[in-house]
Amino acid sequence: MKRLLTRPFYIRLVGILAGLVVLAAAALAVYSWLLLPRIDRWGVTDAEITAVFPGDELVPAPLEVVNRGVTIHAEPEKIYPWLLQLGADRGGLYSYTVLENLAQCPMTNADRIHPEWQDLKVGDLVKLCPKEPGPPPYIVAALTPNRSMVLGHQDNGQWVEEWEFNIIPQADGTSRLVTRTRTTTVGGFWAALHPITFVMERGLLLGVKERAEK
């Protein structure tokens, strides 16, 4: 008798679980088909997506390419110094402090140019978290004054990921700041992290814009 009484409960439970699976699959489909293409080209034009930028050659066969950009009402000379002092132990990442704290990576995002942080060189490290343990720091791969900064990660001496910051002056006196990531590290944990990196990089771009326009 008890077994008969509990059958409706298990049937409902199976139905709920099946519904959750369908809902999760639908959410994944929406993310993959609608949101992912948008966040991977947020703020950029078709011409910027197809453009060749310094650093592209470091990862010639990427499994994933992401482009994002913003228009800044300032000359490249007003933007580049903010890039040079990027780093959790330097000028910060100009992104969302609340999220940085939630990730256990509290930092101070600079609101002025610090001369002591303008000496960035190829081979230097750019940290994403001020304390250990933390994500591996980026290595400065290339610098072109007032035009580009290229960071990356290596594995056994080979570049497996590069993160570009490209400043493109416009005829109207504004500048485009376009970031590009080319990576061979995809799937699993990195796929789950993808929307979070979008939010933080968007915050970074807008943070640089706000500071440079001041």
Protein backbone atom coordinates (compact mmCIF):
# COMPACT_ATOMS: atom_id res chain seq x y z
CA MET A 1 0.00 0.00 0.00
CA LYS A 2 2.82 2.40 0.88
CA ARG A 3 4.49 1.69 -2.44
CA LEU A 4 1.33 2.65 -4.30
CA LEU A 5 0.99 5.85 -2.31
CA THR A 6 4.56 6.98 -3.06
CA ARG A 7 4.43 6.33 -6.81
CA PRO A 8 2.79 9.70 -7.65
CA PHE A 9 5.59 11.48 -5.73
CA TYR A 10 8.32 9.76 -7.75
CA ILE A 11 6.46 10.40 -10.97
CA ARG A 12 6.27 14.10 -10.11
CA LEU A 13 9.96 14.07 -9.13
CA VAL A 14 10.95 12.53 -12.45
CA GLY A 15 8.83 15.10 -14.22
CA ILE A 16 10.48 17.96 -12.34
CA LEU A 17 13.98 16.65 -13.07
CA ALA A 18 13.12 16.19 -16.74
CA GLY A 19 11.79 19.74 -16.86
CA LEU A 20 14.99 21.08 -15.29
CA VAL A 21 17.09 19.20 -17.84
CA VAL A 22 15.03 20.64 -20.69
CA LEU A 23 15.26 24.13 -19.16
CA ALA A 24 19.05 23.84 -18.78
CA ALA A 25 19.39 22.61 -22.37
CA ALA A 26 17.27 25.51 -23.61
CA ALA A 27 19.33 28.02 -21.62
CA LEU A 28 22.54 26.56 -23.05
CA ALA A 29 21.13 26.74 -26.55
CA VAL A 30 20.12 30.39 -26.11
CA TYR A 31 23.57 31.21 -24.71
CA SER A 32 25.41 29.37 -27.51
CA TRP A 33 23.30 30.60 -30.42
CA LEU A 34 22.26 34.07 -29.35
CA LEU A 35 24.36 35.48 -26.52
CA LEU A 36 27.80 33.99 -27.24
CA PRO A 37 28.16 35.50 -30.74
CA ARG A 38 27.15 38.88 -29.34
CA ILE A 39 29.49 38.93 -26.36
CA ASP A 40 32.39 37.70 -28.51
CA ARG A 41 32.10 40.74 -30.78
CA TRP A 42 30.73 43.30 -28.36
CA GLY A 43 31.21 46.87 -29.58
CA VAL A 44 33.28 46.06 -32.68
CA THR A 45 32.70 46.45 -36.42
CA ASP A 46 33.08 43.84 -39.15
CA ALA A 47 36.22 45.67 -40.35
CA GLU A 48 37.78 45.46 -36.89
CA ILE A 49 37.01 41.75 -36.65
CA THR A 50 38.81 41.03 -39.94
CA ALA A 51 41.69 43.46 -39.30
CA VAL A 52 45.19 42.14 -38.63
CA PHE A 53 46.63 43.47 -35.36
CA PRO A 54 50.03 43.13 -33.66
CA GLY A 55 50.14 39.88 -31.72
CA ASP A 56 47.93 37.86 -34.06
CA GLU A 57 50.99 35.90 -35.15
CA LEU A 58 51.70 34.63 -31.63
CA VAL A 59 48.79 32.17 -31.78
CA PRO A 60 48.47 31.36 -35.52
CA ALA A 61 45.85 28.62 -35.12
CA PRO A 62 43.51 29.68 -32.30
CA LEU A 63 40.52 27.60 -31.30
CA GLU A 64 38.69 30.74 -30.23
CA VAL A 65 38.92 34.42 -31.17
CA VAL A 66 37.14 37.17 -29.25
CA ASN A 67 36.96 40.85 -30.25
CA ARG A 68 35.53 43.67 -28.13
CA GLY A 69 35.80 47.43 -28.42
CA VAL A 70 34.74 50.90 -27.40
CA THR A 71 35.00 54.43 -28.79
CA ILE A 72 36.97 56.84 -26.61
CA HIS A 73 36.80 60.60 -27.05
CA ALA A 74 40.54 61.06 -26.56
CA GLU A 75 43.78 60.78 -28.51
CA PRO A 76 45.87 57.58 -28.30
CA GLU A 77 48.43 59.43 -26.15
CA LYS A 78 45.73 59.89 -23.50
CA ILE A 79 44.76 56.20 -23.55
CA TYR A 80 48.04 54.31 -23.73
CA PRO A 81 49.33 55.33 -20.26
CA TRP A 82 46.26 53.75 -18.67
CA LEU A 83 47.10 50.46 -20.39
CA LEU A 84 50.71 50.55 -19.24
CA GLN A 85 49.71 50.51 -15.58
CA LEU A 86 47.25 47.62 -15.85
CA GLY A 87 47.78 44.96 -13.22
CA ALA A 88 46.33 43.92 -9.88
CA ASP A 89 49.50 45.05 -8.09
CA ARG A 90 49.70 48.31 -10.05
CA GLY A 91 46.83 50.42 -11.38
CA GLY A 92 44.22 47.68 -11.16
CA LEU A 93 41.98 46.45 -13.97
CA TYR A 94 39.52 49.41 -14.02
CA SER A 95 36.61 46.97 -13.85
CA TYR A 96 33.92 46.21 -11.28
CA THR A 97 35.26 46.37 -7.72
CA VAL A 98 32.34 44.37 -6.31
CA LEU A 99 33.05 41.44 -8.64
CA GLU A 100 36.80 41.66 -7.97
CA ASN A 101 36.09 41.37 -4.25
CA LEU A 102 33.72 38.43 -4.79
CA ALA A 103 36.50 36.67 -6.69
CA GLN A 104 38.79 37.20 -3.68
CA CYS A 105 40.97 39.51 -5.78
CA PRO A 106 40.49 42.90 -4.11
CA MET A 107 42.45 45.70 -5.74
CA THR A 108 42.55 49.45 -6.02
CA ASN A 109 41.66 50.76 -9.47
CA ALA A 110 43.71 53.88 -10.12
CA ASP A 111 41.97 57.10 -11.07
CA ARG A 112 45.13 58.91 -12.24
CA ILE A 113 48.30 58.18 -14.17
CA HIS A 114 51.15 57.05 -11.90
CA PRO A 115 54.61 57.82 -13.35
CA GLU A 116 56.15 54.94 -11.38
CA TRP A 117 53.95 52.46 -13.30
CA GLN A 118 54.80 53.71 -16.78
CA ASP A 119 57.95 51.61 -17.18
CA LEU A 120 56.28 48.40 -18.42
CA LYS A 121 58.62 46.26 -20.55
CA VAL A 122 58.41 43.14 -22.69
CA GLY A 123 58.74 40.13 -20.39
CA ASP A 124 57.13 41.84 -17.38
CA LEU A 125 54.20 40.19 -15.64
CA VAL A 126 50.69 41.64 -15.43
CA LYS A 127 48.78 40.14 -12.51
CA LEU A 128 45.03 39.55 -12.43
CA CYS A 129 45.00 39.02 -8.67
CA PRO A 130 47.21 40.76 -6.11
CA LYS A 131 47.65 37.72 -3.87
CA GLU A 132 48.43 34.02 -4.17
CA PRO A 133 47.01 31.65 -5.12
CA GLY A 134 45.55 33.35 -8.17
CA PRO A 135 45.23 32.99 -11.92
CA PRO A 136 48.57 32.89 -13.75
CA PRO A 137 49.77 36.39 -14.62
CA TYR A 138 50.00 37.52 -18.22
CA ILE A 139 53.39 38.05 -19.82
CA VAL A 140 54.00 41.25 -21.77
CA ALA A 141 54.70 40.01 -25.31
CA ALA A 142 54.91 43.28 -27.28
CA LEU A 143 54.52 47.02 -26.84
CA THR A 144 54.01 49.66 -29.52
CA PRO A 145 53.82 53.09 -27.87
CA ASN A 146 50.41 54.73 -28.21
CA ARG A 147 49.22 51.92 -30.49
CA SER A 148 49.15 48.48 -28.89
CA MET A 149 49.96 46.29 -25.93
CA VAL A 150 50.03 42.50 -26.28
CA LEU A 151 49.87 40.15 -23.28
CA GLY A 152 49.87 36.37 -23.31
CA HIS A 153 50.30 33.01 -21.65
CA GLN A 154 52.89 30.40 -22.60
CA ASP A 155 53.07 26.63 -22.25
CA ASN A 156 56.48 24.99 -22.72
CA GLY A 157 57.77 28.13 -24.40
CA GLN A 158 54.88 28.37 -26.87
CA TRP A 159 52.21 31.05 -26.79
CA VAL A 160 48.83 29.42 -26.12
CA GLU A 161 46.86 32.62 -25.54
CA GLU A 162 47.32 36.28 -26.34
CA TRP A 163 45.32 39.31 -25.23
CA GLU A 164 45.69 42.44 -27.35
CA PHE A 165 44.86 46.07 -26.64
CA ASN A 166 44.78 48.02 -29.90
CA ILE A 167 44.32 51.79 -30.11
CA ILE A 168 43.07 52.97 -33.50
CA PRO A 169 42.93 56.77 -34.06
CA GLN A 170 39.90 58.05 -35.97
CA ALA A 171 39.55 60.99 -38.36
CA ASP A 172 37.17 62.80 -36.00
CA GLY A 173 39.73 62.90 -33.19
CA THR A 174 38.33 59.96 -31.26
CA SER A 175 40.05 56.61 -30.82
CA ARG A 176 38.89 53.03 -30.93
CA LEU A 177 40.17 50.72 -28.21
CA VAL A 178 39.80 47.15 -29.48
CA THR A 179 40.75 44.09 -27.47
CA ARG A 180 41.33 40.72 -29.10
CA THR A 181 41.88 37.34 -27.48
CA ARG A 182 43.25 34.43 -29.49
CA THR A 183 43.47 31.21 -27.50
CA THR A 184 43.89 27.47 -27.77
CA THR A 185 42.42 26.93 -24.29
CA VAL A 186 38.70 26.23 -24.63
CA GLY A 187 35.92 24.03 -23.26
CA GLY A 188 35.08 22.82 -19.78
CA PHE A 189 36.10 25.26 -17.06
CA TRP A 190 37.05 27.92 -19.63
CA ALA A 191 33.62 27.76 -21.27
CA ALA A 192 31.97 28.28 -17.87
CA LEU A 193 34.29 31.24 -17.23
CA HIS A 194 33.54 32.84 -20.60
CA PRO A 195 30.55 35.03 -19.62
CA ILE A 196 32.39 36.20 -16.51
CA THR A 197 35.41 37.31 -18.53
CA PHE A 198 33.05 39.21 -20.84
CA VAL A 199 31.57 41.17 -17.93
CA MET A 200 35.01 42.00 -16.52
CA GLU A 201 36.54 42.93 -19.89
CA ARG A 202 33.57 45.12 -20.73
CA GLY A 203 34.09 46.84 -17.38
CA LEU A 204 37.78 47.27 -18.18
CA LEU A 205 37.07 48.88 -21.56
CA LEU A 206 34.51 51.24 -20.09
CA GLY A 207 36.84 51.97 -17.17
CA VAL A 208 39.65 53.02 -19.53
CA LYS A 209 37.18 55.10 -21.55
CA GLU A 210 35.93 56.95 -18.48
CA ARG A 211 39.44 57.70 -17.24
CA ALA A 212 40.92 58.73 -20.60
CA GLU A 213 38.01 61.06 -21.38
CA LYS A 214 38.54 62.91 -18.11
